[in-house]
């Protein structure tokens, strides 16, 4: 399958060449490192104070949507619809914009605007999907292209640019 088809409007892999290592408090994908919604952080509150926790910061310019966030190596990743396209955003831990990349067409469904994906960070890659006008999404694309081909590409990148590109062992579980 050739990039440049409708698939690229629904999936983006953004490579950034800064060293990324998984830190203890990182949350690199939907529901956390183990996808179980449990944090290994200690000292967390067992009950919210009345009135809720204090607001630490907020940001603007992300756009509409229901995306969750991933946090890796001091960067926050999320998605949002702009006026004409969806974007994946990287923020620092203070909510300042670090970079933004075009993701694909805007969309939603069922009366809810914007993307609903949680960006996944694996090595030095950010994987995100916006509105998918086809069934299957990024896993369908990965299987169509070939899991082995994607894994081999990541291995070549790791040889050239370092271990931050080495594919996660989870790639071996995909069929």
N, C-alpha and C. Protein backbone atom coordinates (compact mmCIF):
# COMPACT_ATOMS: atom_id res chain seq x y z
N UNK A 1 0.84 -1.17 0.00
CA UNK A 1 0.00 0.00 0.00
C UNK A 1 0.89 1.24 0.00
N UNK A 2 0.58 2.21 -0.77
CA UNK A 2 1.40 3.40 -0.95
C UNK A 2 0.90 4.51 -0.05
N UNK A 3 1.84 5.19 0.65
CA UNK A 3 1.46 6.37 1.41
C UNK A 3 0.99 7.42 0.42
N UNK A 4 0.06 8.20 0.79
CA UNK A 4 -0.51 9.17 -0.14
C UNK A 4 -1.94 8.80 -0.46
N UNK A 5 -2.39 7.68 0.02
CA UNK A 5 -3.77 7.28 -0.15
C UNK A 5 -4.60 7.85 0.99
N UNK A 6 -5.85 7.48 1.04
CA UNK A 6 -6.74 7.95 2.10
C UNK A 6 -6.24 7.54 3.48
N UNK A 7 -5.43 6.50 3.52
CA UNK A 7 -4.91 6.03 4.81
C UNK A 7 -4.10 7.13 5.49
N UNK A 8 -3.34 7.89 4.73
CA UNK A 8 -2.51 8.93 5.36
C UNK A 8 -3.35 10.03 5.96
N UNK A 9 -4.60 10.12 5.58
CA UNK A 9 -5.47 11.11 6.18
C UNK A 9 -6.00 10.62 7.52
N UNK A 10 -5.77 9.35 7.83
CA UNK A 10 -6.27 8.78 9.07
C UNK A 10 -5.19 8.33 10.02
N UNK A 11 -3.99 8.16 9.52
CA UNK A 11 -2.90 7.71 10.40
C UNK A 11 -1.66 8.53 10.13
N UNK A 12 -0.93 8.81 11.17
CA UNK A 12 0.32 9.54 11.01
C UNK A 12 1.33 8.94 11.96
N UNK A 13 2.51 8.78 11.48
CA UNK A 13 3.61 8.39 12.35
C UNK A 13 4.60 9.53 12.28
N UNK A 14 4.74 10.23 13.35
CA UNK A 14 5.61 11.40 13.39
C UNK A 14 6.91 10.99 14.06
N UNK A 15 8.01 11.04 13.31
CA UNK A 15 9.31 10.72 13.90
C UNK A 15 9.94 12.01 14.40
N UNK A 16 10.41 11.99 15.58
CA UNK A 16 11.16 13.12 16.08
C UNK A 16 12.46 12.57 16.64
N UNK A 17 13.56 13.23 16.29
CA UNK A 17 14.88 12.70 16.53
C UNK A 17 15.51 13.19 17.82
N UNK A 18 14.71 13.28 18.86
CA UNK A 18 15.23 13.57 20.19
C UNK A 18 15.18 12.27 20.96
N UNK A 19 16.14 12.03 21.79
CA UNK A 19 16.16 10.78 22.56
C UNK A 19 14.94 10.71 23.45
N UNK A 20 14.24 9.58 23.37
CA UNK A 20 13.08 9.36 24.21
C UNK A 20 13.30 8.07 24.97
N UNK A 21 13.23 8.16 26.25
CA UNK A 21 13.30 6.97 27.08
C UNK A 21 12.08 6.97 27.97
N UNK A 22 11.58 5.80 28.28
CA UNK A 22 10.40 5.69 29.11
C UNK A 22 10.80 5.90 30.56
N UNK A 23 10.23 6.92 31.18
CA UNK A 23 10.47 7.21 32.59
C UNK A 23 9.39 6.56 33.43
N UNK A 24 9.66 6.42 34.72
CA UNK A 24 8.73 5.73 35.62
C UNK A 24 7.33 6.32 35.56
N UNK A 25 7.20 7.63 35.45
CA UNK A 25 5.88 8.27 35.45
C UNK A 25 5.27 8.44 34.08
N UNK A 26 5.90 7.90 33.03
CA UNK A 26 5.37 8.06 31.68
C UNK A 26 4.07 7.29 31.49
N UNK A 27 3.24 7.82 30.63
CA UNK A 27 1.94 7.25 30.30
C UNK A 27 1.86 7.24 28.78
N UNK A 28 2.52 6.26 28.10
CA UNK A 28 2.75 6.36 26.66
C UNK A 28 1.59 5.95 25.76
N UNK A 29 0.49 5.51 26.33
CA UNK A 29 -0.62 5.03 25.51
C UNK A 29 -1.91 5.08 26.31
N UNK A 30 -3.01 4.73 25.65
CA UNK A 30 -4.32 4.70 26.28
C UNK A 30 -4.28 3.82 27.52
N UNK A 31 -4.73 4.35 28.63
CA UNK A 31 -4.81 3.68 29.93
C UNK A 31 -3.46 3.33 30.53
N UNK A 32 -2.36 3.93 30.02
CA UNK A 32 -1.06 3.79 30.67
C UNK A 32 -0.16 2.72 30.11
N UNK A 33 1.00 2.54 30.75
CA UNK A 33 2.03 1.63 30.24
C UNK A 33 1.55 0.19 30.04
N UNK A 34 0.69 -0.29 30.92
CA UNK A 34 0.20 -1.67 30.80
C UNK A 34 -1.22 -1.74 30.26
N UNK A 35 -1.79 -0.59 29.86
CA UNK A 35 -3.18 -0.49 29.38
C UNK A 35 -4.19 -0.99 30.41
N UNK A 36 -3.87 -0.80 31.68
CA UNK A 36 -4.79 -1.25 32.73
C UNK A 36 -5.33 -0.10 33.58
N UNK A 37 -4.94 1.14 33.25
CA UNK A 37 -5.42 2.30 33.98
C UNK A 37 -4.79 2.50 35.35
N UNK A 38 -3.75 1.74 35.67
CA UNK A 38 -3.10 1.84 36.98
C UNK A 38 -1.77 2.57 36.87
N UNK A 39 -1.54 3.49 37.79
CA UNK A 39 -0.29 4.23 37.84
C UNK A 39 0.63 3.62 38.89
N UNK A 40 1.91 3.57 38.57
CA UNK A 40 2.89 3.08 39.55
C UNK A 40 3.41 4.21 40.42
N UNK A 41 2.96 5.44 40.13
CA UNK A 41 3.38 6.58 40.95
C UNK A 41 2.91 6.39 42.38
N UNK A 42 3.68 6.90 43.33
CA UNK A 42 3.32 6.82 44.74
C UNK A 42 2.95 8.21 45.24
N UNK A 43 2.29 8.26 46.37
CA UNK A 43 1.90 9.53 46.97
C UNK A 43 0.67 10.16 46.33
N UNK A 44 -0.08 9.38 45.56
CA UNK A 44 -1.28 9.90 44.93
C UNK A 44 -2.40 10.03 45.98
N UNK A 45 -3.28 10.98 45.77
CA UNK A 45 -4.39 11.17 46.70
C UNK A 45 -5.35 10.00 46.63
N UNK A 46 -5.84 9.56 47.75
CA UNK A 46 -6.86 8.51 47.76
C UNK A 46 -8.25 9.12 47.67
N UNK A 47 -8.36 10.43 47.93
CA UNK A 47 -9.64 11.12 47.84
C UNK A 47 -9.36 12.57 47.44
N UNK A 48 -10.20 13.12 46.56
CA UNK A 48 -10.05 14.51 46.14
C UNK A 48 -10.44 15.43 47.28
N UNK A 49 -9.78 16.59 47.40
CA UNK A 49 -10.22 17.59 48.37
C UNK A 49 -11.58 18.16 47.94
N UNK A 50 -12.34 18.70 48.89
CA UNK A 50 -13.62 19.30 48.51
C UNK A 50 -13.34 20.44 47.54
N UNK A 51 -14.12 20.51 46.49
CA UNK A 51 -13.89 21.51 45.45
C UNK A 51 -12.92 21.04 44.38
N UNK A 52 -12.36 19.84 44.55
CA UNK A 52 -11.46 19.28 43.55
C UNK A 52 -10.02 19.76 43.72
N UNK A 53 -9.12 19.18 42.93
CA UNK A 53 -7.71 19.58 43.01
C UNK A 53 -7.51 20.96 42.38
N UNK A 54 -6.45 21.65 42.73
CA UNK A 54 -6.20 22.97 42.13
C UNK A 54 -5.80 22.81 40.66
N UNK A 55 -6.21 23.77 39.83
CA UNK A 55 -5.83 23.79 38.43
C UNK A 55 -4.36 24.21 38.34
N UNK A 56 -3.53 23.36 37.74
CA UNK A 56 -2.11 23.67 37.61
C UNK A 56 -1.83 24.53 36.39
N UNK A 57 -2.48 24.23 35.27
CA UNK A 57 -2.32 25.01 34.05
C UNK A 57 -3.41 24.59 33.07
N UNK A 58 -3.60 25.41 32.04
CA UNK A 58 -4.45 25.03 30.93
C UNK A 58 -3.87 25.63 29.68
N UNK A 59 -4.29 25.11 28.54
CA UNK A 59 -3.75 25.59 27.28
C UNK A 59 -4.89 25.82 26.30
N UNK A 60 -4.63 26.58 25.28
CA UNK A 60 -5.60 26.85 24.22
C UNK A 60 -5.00 26.45 22.89
N UNK A 61 -5.85 26.36 21.87
CA UNK A 61 -5.37 26.10 20.53
C UNK A 61 -5.24 24.63 20.16
N UNK A 62 -5.80 23.74 20.99
CA UNK A 62 -5.75 22.32 20.69
C UNK A 62 -6.86 21.93 19.72
N UNK A 63 -8.02 22.56 19.82
CA UNK A 63 -9.13 22.25 18.94
C UNK A 63 -10.14 21.34 19.60
N UNK A 64 -11.17 21.01 18.86
CA UNK A 64 -12.26 20.19 19.36
C UNK A 64 -11.88 18.71 19.34
N UNK A 65 -12.49 17.95 20.22
CA UNK A 65 -12.28 16.51 20.23
C UNK A 65 -12.35 15.92 21.62
N UNK A 66 -12.24 14.61 21.67
CA UNK A 66 -12.34 13.87 22.91
C UNK A 66 -11.11 12.99 23.12
N UNK A 67 -9.98 13.43 22.62
CA UNK A 67 -8.73 12.68 22.75
C UNK A 67 -8.25 12.71 24.19
N UNK A 68 -7.67 11.61 24.61
CA UNK A 68 -6.97 11.56 25.88
C UNK A 68 -5.54 12.01 25.64
N UNK A 69 -4.67 11.86 26.62
CA UNK A 69 -3.28 12.27 26.46
C UNK A 69 -2.33 11.11 26.74
N UNK A 70 -1.16 11.20 26.15
CA UNK A 70 -0.03 10.35 26.49
C UNK A 70 1.06 11.28 27.00
N UNK A 71 1.85 10.80 27.95
CA UNK A 71 2.93 11.60 28.51
C UNK A 71 4.20 10.77 28.48
N UNK A 72 5.21 11.27 27.78
CA UNK A 72 6.49 10.56 27.66
C UNK A 72 7.62 11.58 27.68
N UNK A 73 8.60 11.32 28.53
CA UNK A 73 9.83 12.10 28.58
C UNK A 73 9.58 13.62 28.64
N UNK A 74 8.64 14.01 29.48
CA UNK A 74 8.37 15.43 29.67
C UNK A 74 7.56 16.09 28.58
N UNK A 75 6.94 15.29 27.70
CA UNK A 75 6.09 15.83 26.65
C UNK A 75 4.69 15.21 26.78
N UNK A 76 3.68 16.04 26.49
CA UNK A 76 2.28 15.62 26.50
C UNK A 76 1.82 15.58 25.05
N UNK A 77 1.17 14.48 24.64
CA UNK A 77 0.69 14.32 23.28
C UNK A 77 -0.82 14.17 23.29
N UNK A 78 -1.50 14.89 22.39
CA UNK A 78 -2.95 14.80 22.28
C UNK A 78 -3.37 15.20 20.88
N UNK A 79 -4.67 15.10 20.59
CA UNK A 79 -5.21 15.40 19.27
C UNK A 79 -6.31 16.43 19.37
N UNK A 80 -6.59 17.10 18.27
CA UNK A 80 -7.72 18.02 18.19
C UNK A 80 -7.98 18.45 16.77
N UNK A 81 -9.24 18.81 16.49
CA UNK A 81 -9.62 19.31 15.17
C UNK A 81 -9.38 20.80 15.08
N UNK A 82 -8.76 21.22 14.00
CA UNK A 82 -8.68 22.63 13.65
C UNK A 82 -9.83 22.96 12.72
N UNK A 83 -9.81 24.12 12.07
CA UNK A 83 -10.92 24.47 11.19
C UNK A 83 -11.06 23.55 9.98
N UNK A 84 -9.93 23.07 9.44
CA UNK A 84 -9.98 22.28 8.21
C UNK A 84 -9.34 20.91 8.30
N UNK A 85 -8.67 20.60 9.39
CA UNK A 85 -7.96 19.33 9.51
C UNK A 85 -7.76 18.97 10.98
N UNK A 86 -7.45 17.72 11.23
CA UNK A 86 -7.09 17.27 12.59
C UNK A 86 -5.59 17.40 12.77
N UNK A 87 -5.17 17.58 14.02
CA UNK A 87 -3.76 17.73 14.33
C UNK A 87 -3.38 16.86 15.52
N UNK A 88 -2.12 16.44 15.55
CA UNK A 88 -1.52 15.86 16.75
C UNK A 88 -0.62 16.96 17.33
N UNK A 89 -0.73 17.15 18.64
CA UNK A 89 0.00 18.22 19.32
C UNK A 89 0.95 17.64 20.35
N UNK A 90 2.11 18.27 20.49
CA UNK A 90 3.03 17.97 21.59
C UNK A 90 3.14 19.23 22.44
N UNK A 91 3.00 19.05 23.74
CA UNK A 91 3.10 20.15 24.70
C UNK A 91 4.17 19.82 25.71
N UNK A 92 4.73 20.85 26.35
CA UNK A 92 5.61 20.57 27.48
C UNK A 92 4.76 20.42 28.73
N UNK A 93 5.38 20.13 29.85
CA UNK A 93 4.62 19.86 31.07
C UNK A 93 3.98 21.10 31.68
N UNK A 94 4.23 22.26 31.08
CA UNK A 94 3.55 23.49 31.51
C UNK A 94 2.42 23.86 30.56
N UNK A 95 2.18 23.03 29.55
CA UNK A 95 1.10 23.27 28.60
C UNK A 95 1.47 24.13 27.41
N UNK A 96 2.76 24.45 27.27
CA UNK A 96 3.22 25.22 26.12
C UNK A 96 3.35 24.32 24.89
N UNK A 97 2.96 24.83 23.73
CA UNK A 97 3.03 24.06 22.49
C UNK A 97 4.49 23.87 22.09
N UNK A 98 4.87 22.61 21.82
CA UNK A 98 6.22 22.27 21.36
C UNK A 98 6.21 22.08 19.84
N UNK A 99 5.27 21.28 19.35
CA UNK A 99 5.09 21.12 17.92
C UNK A 99 3.67 20.63 17.63
N UNK A 100 3.27 20.81 16.39
CA UNK A 100 1.96 20.37 15.90
C UNK A 100 2.17 19.77 14.52
N UNK A 101 1.48 18.67 14.23
CA UNK A 101 1.58 18.05 12.91
C UNK A 101 0.18 17.72 12.39
N UNK A 102 -0.01 17.92 11.11
CA UNK A 102 -1.30 17.62 10.47
C UNK A 102 -1.56 16.12 10.54
N UNK A 103 -2.79 15.77 10.91
CA UNK A 103 -3.15 14.36 11.05
C UNK A 103 -4.03 13.90 9.91
N UNK A 104 -5.03 14.65 9.53
CA UNK A 104 -5.93 14.23 8.47
C UNK A 104 -7.23 15.02 8.54
N UNK A 105 -8.25 14.50 7.91
CA UNK A 105 -9.50 15.24 7.83
C UNK A 105 -10.17 15.35 9.19
N UNK A 106 -10.93 16.41 9.35
CA UNK A 106 -11.69 16.57 10.58
C UNK A 106 -12.83 15.58 10.57
N UNK A 107 -13.35 15.32 11.71
CA UNK A 107 -14.48 14.41 11.74
C UNK A 107 -14.81 13.97 13.12
N UNK A 108 -15.84 13.28 13.18
CA UNK A 108 -16.35 12.75 14.42
C UNK A 108 -17.49 11.84 14.04
N UNK A 109 -18.39 11.71 14.89
CA UNK A 109 -19.53 10.88 14.59
C UNK A 109 -20.51 10.93 15.74
N UNK A 110 -21.74 10.67 15.43
CA UNK A 110 -22.76 10.64 16.46
C UNK A 110 -22.96 11.99 17.14
N UNK A 111 -22.65 13.08 16.44
CA UNK A 111 -22.85 14.40 17.00
C UNK A 111 -21.73 14.90 17.89
N UNK A 112 -20.64 14.14 18.00
CA UNK A 112 -19.51 14.56 18.82
C UNK A 112 -18.35 14.92 17.90
N UNK A 113 -17.85 16.17 17.98
CA UNK A 113 -16.81 16.60 17.07
C UNK A 113 -15.43 16.08 17.47
N UNK A 114 -14.57 15.98 16.47
CA UNK A 114 -13.16 15.75 16.72
C UNK A 114 -12.74 14.32 16.96
N UNK A 115 -11.42 14.13 17.05
CA UNK A 115 -10.84 12.80 17.24
C UNK A 115 -11.05 12.29 18.66
N UNK A 116 -10.95 10.97 18.81
CA UNK A 116 -11.13 10.31 20.10
C UNK A 116 -9.96 9.41 20.45
N UNK A 117 -8.92 9.46 19.66
CA UNK A 117 -7.75 8.58 19.82
C UNK A 117 -6.82 9.12 20.90
N UNK A 118 -6.13 8.22 21.57
CA UNK A 118 -5.02 8.59 22.43
C UNK A 118 -3.74 8.32 21.66
N UNK A 119 -2.91 9.32 21.42
CA UNK A 119 -1.65 9.05 20.74
C UNK A 119 -0.83 8.01 21.52
N UNK A 120 -0.18 7.13 20.80
CA UNK A 120 0.69 6.11 21.41
C UNK A 120 2.12 6.44 21.04
N UNK A 121 3.01 6.41 22.02
CA UNK A 121 4.42 6.69 21.79
C UNK A 121 5.19 5.39 21.97
N UNK A 122 5.96 5.02 20.94
CA UNK A 122 6.79 3.82 20.97
C UNK A 122 8.15 4.21 20.42
N UNK A 123 9.15 4.21 21.27
CA UNK A 123 10.47 4.66 20.84
C UNK A 123 10.40 6.13 20.50
N UNK A 124 10.81 6.48 19.31
CA UNK A 124 10.78 7.87 18.87
C UNK A 124 9.64 8.11 17.90
N UNK A 125 8.60 7.32 17.97
CA UNK A 125 7.46 7.45 17.06
C UNK A 125 6.21 7.78 17.86
N UNK A 126 5.40 8.65 17.30
CA UNK A 126 4.08 8.96 17.85
C UNK A 126 3.08 8.44 16.83
N UNK A 127 2.21 7.52 17.26
CA UNK A 127 1.18 6.96 16.40
C UNK A 127 -0.16 7.55 16.82
N UNK A 128 -0.91 8.05 15.85
CA UNK A 128 -2.20 8.63 16.15
C UNK A 128 -3.12 8.43 14.96
N UNK A 129 -4.39 8.30 15.22
CA UNK A 129 -5.37 8.18 14.17
C UNK A 129 -6.51 9.14 14.44
N UNK A 130 -6.96 9.79 13.40
CA UNK A 130 -8.09 10.69 13.50
C UNK A 130 -9.34 10.00 12.99
N UNK A 131 -10.18 10.75 12.34
CA UNK A 131 -11.41 10.20 11.78
C UNK A 131 -11.06 9.22 10.67
N UNK A 132 -11.59 8.03 10.74
CA UNK A 132 -11.29 7.00 9.75
C UNK A 132 -12.52 6.78 8.86
N UNK A 133 -12.43 7.18 7.58
CA UNK A 133 -13.57 6.99 6.69
C UNK A 133 -13.71 5.53 6.23
N UNK A 134 -12.88 4.67 6.74
CA UNK A 134 -12.91 3.26 6.39
C UNK A 134 -12.91 2.46 7.68
N UNK A 135 -13.20 1.21 7.62
CA UNK A 135 -13.17 0.35 8.80
C UNK A 135 -11.76 -0.17 9.04
N UNK A 136 -11.36 -0.29 10.27
CA UNK A 136 -10.10 -0.93 10.58
C UNK A 136 -9.06 -0.03 11.19
N UNK A 137 -8.98 1.22 10.78
CA UNK A 137 -8.04 2.17 11.36
C UNK A 137 -6.59 1.76 11.19
N UNK A 138 -5.72 2.19 12.13
CA UNK A 138 -4.29 1.99 11.96
C UNK A 138 -3.87 0.53 12.01
N UNK A 139 -4.56 -0.31 12.75
CA UNK A 139 -4.17 -1.72 12.79
C UNK A 139 -4.47 -2.38 11.44
N UNK A 140 -5.55 -1.98 10.81
CA UNK A 140 -5.85 -2.49 9.47
C UNK A 140 -4.73 -2.08 8.51
N UNK A 141 -4.31 -0.80 8.60
CA UNK A 141 -3.21 -0.33 7.76
C UNK A 141 -1.93 -1.11 8.04
N UNK A 142 -1.61 -1.31 9.31
CA UNK A 142 -0.38 -2.02 9.67
C UNK A 142 -0.41 -3.45 9.12
N UNK A 143 -1.55 -4.09 9.22
CA UNK A 143 -1.65 -5.47 8.69
C UNK A 143 -1.58 -5.49 7.17
N UNK A 144 -2.20 -4.49 6.52
CA UNK A 144 -2.13 -4.40 5.06
C UNK A 144 -0.70 -4.17 4.59
N UNK A 145 -0.01 -3.27 5.24
CA UNK A 145 1.39 -2.98 4.88
C UNK A 145 2.27 -4.16 5.23
N UNK A 146 1.97 -4.79 6.36
CA UNK A 146 2.75 -5.92 6.84
C UNK A 146 3.46 -5.57 8.14
N UNK A 147 3.09 -6.28 9.20
CA UNK A 147 3.70 -6.04 10.52
C UNK A 147 5.21 -6.20 10.42
N UNK A 148 5.65 -7.22 9.70
CA UNK A 148 7.09 -7.46 9.54
C UNK A 148 7.80 -6.31 8.85
N UNK A 149 7.15 -5.71 7.85
CA UNK A 149 7.76 -4.58 7.14
C UNK A 149 7.89 -3.37 8.06
N UNK A 150 6.87 -3.09 8.84
CA UNK A 150 6.93 -1.95 9.77
C UNK A 150 8.01 -2.21 10.82
N UNK A 151 8.04 -3.43 11.36
CA UNK A 151 9.04 -3.76 12.37
C UNK A 151 10.46 -3.67 11.78
N UNK A 152 10.64 -4.13 10.56
CA UNK A 152 11.95 -4.05 9.90
C UNK A 152 12.37 -2.59 9.69
N UNK A 153 11.41 -1.74 9.34
CA UNK A 153 11.70 -0.31 9.19
C UNK A 153 12.16 0.28 10.51
N UNK A 154 11.48 -0.05 11.59
CA UNK A 154 11.88 0.44 12.92
C UNK A 154 13.27 -0.07 13.29
N UNK A 155 13.56 -1.33 12.96
CA UNK A 155 14.89 -1.89 13.24
C UNK A 155 15.98 -1.15 12.47
N UNK A 156 15.70 -0.82 11.18
CA UNK A 156 16.68 -0.06 10.39
C UNK A 156 16.90 1.32 10.99
N UNK A 157 15.82 1.95 11.43
CA UNK A 157 15.95 3.26 12.07
C UNK A 157 16.76 3.14 13.37
N UNK A 158 16.55 2.05 14.12
CA UNK A 158 17.31 1.84 15.37
C UNK A 158 18.80 1.67 15.08
N UNK A 159 19.12 0.94 14.01
CA UNK A 159 20.53 0.76 13.65
C UNK A 159 21.17 2.09 13.27
N UNK A 160 20.41 2.92 12.60
CA UNK A 160 20.96 4.18 12.12
C UNK A 160 20.95 5.28 13.18
N UNK A 161 19.85 5.35 13.99
CA UNK A 161 19.67 6.49 14.89
C UNK A 161 19.64 6.11 16.37
N UNK A 162 19.71 4.82 16.68
CA UNK A 162 19.77 4.44 18.09
C UNK A 162 18.54 3.70 18.58
N UNK A 163 18.66 3.20 19.80
CA UNK A 163 17.63 2.34 20.38
C UNK A 163 16.27 3.00 20.57
N UNK A 164 16.21 4.31 20.52
CA UNK A 164 14.92 4.96 20.71
C UNK A 164 13.93 4.56 19.62
N UNK A 165 14.43 4.00 18.50
CA UNK A 165 13.56 3.53 17.43
C UNK A 165 13.27 2.03 17.51
N UNK A 166 13.94 1.31 18.38
CA UNK A 166 13.77 -0.13 18.46
C UNK A 166 12.31 -0.46 18.75
N UNK A 167 11.69 -1.34 17.97
CA UNK A 167 10.27 -1.64 18.19
C UNK A 167 10.03 -2.31 19.54
N UNK A 168 8.94 -1.95 20.15
CA UNK A 168 8.51 -2.54 21.41
C UNK A 168 8.23 -4.03 21.20
N UNK A 169 8.48 -4.88 22.21
CA UNK A 169 8.20 -6.31 22.06
C UNK A 169 6.75 -6.62 21.67
N UNK A 170 5.85 -5.71 21.93
CA UNK A 170 4.44 -5.92 21.57
C UNK A 170 4.21 -6.12 20.09
N UNK A 171 5.12 -5.61 19.24
CA UNK A 171 5.00 -5.82 17.81
C UNK A 171 5.01 -7.31 17.46
N UNK A 172 5.73 -8.12 18.28
CA UNK A 172 5.80 -9.56 18.01
C UNK A 172 4.47 -10.26 18.25
N UNK A 173 3.58 -9.64 19.01
CA UNK A 173 2.28 -10.24 19.33
C UNK A 173 1.24 -10.00 18.24
N UNK A 174 1.53 -9.06 17.33
CA UNK A 174 0.57 -8.72 16.28
C UNK A 174 0.65 -9.72 15.16
N UNK A 175 -0.46 -10.10 14.67
CA UNK A 175 -0.54 -11.06 13.55
C UNK A 175 -1.51 -10.56 12.52
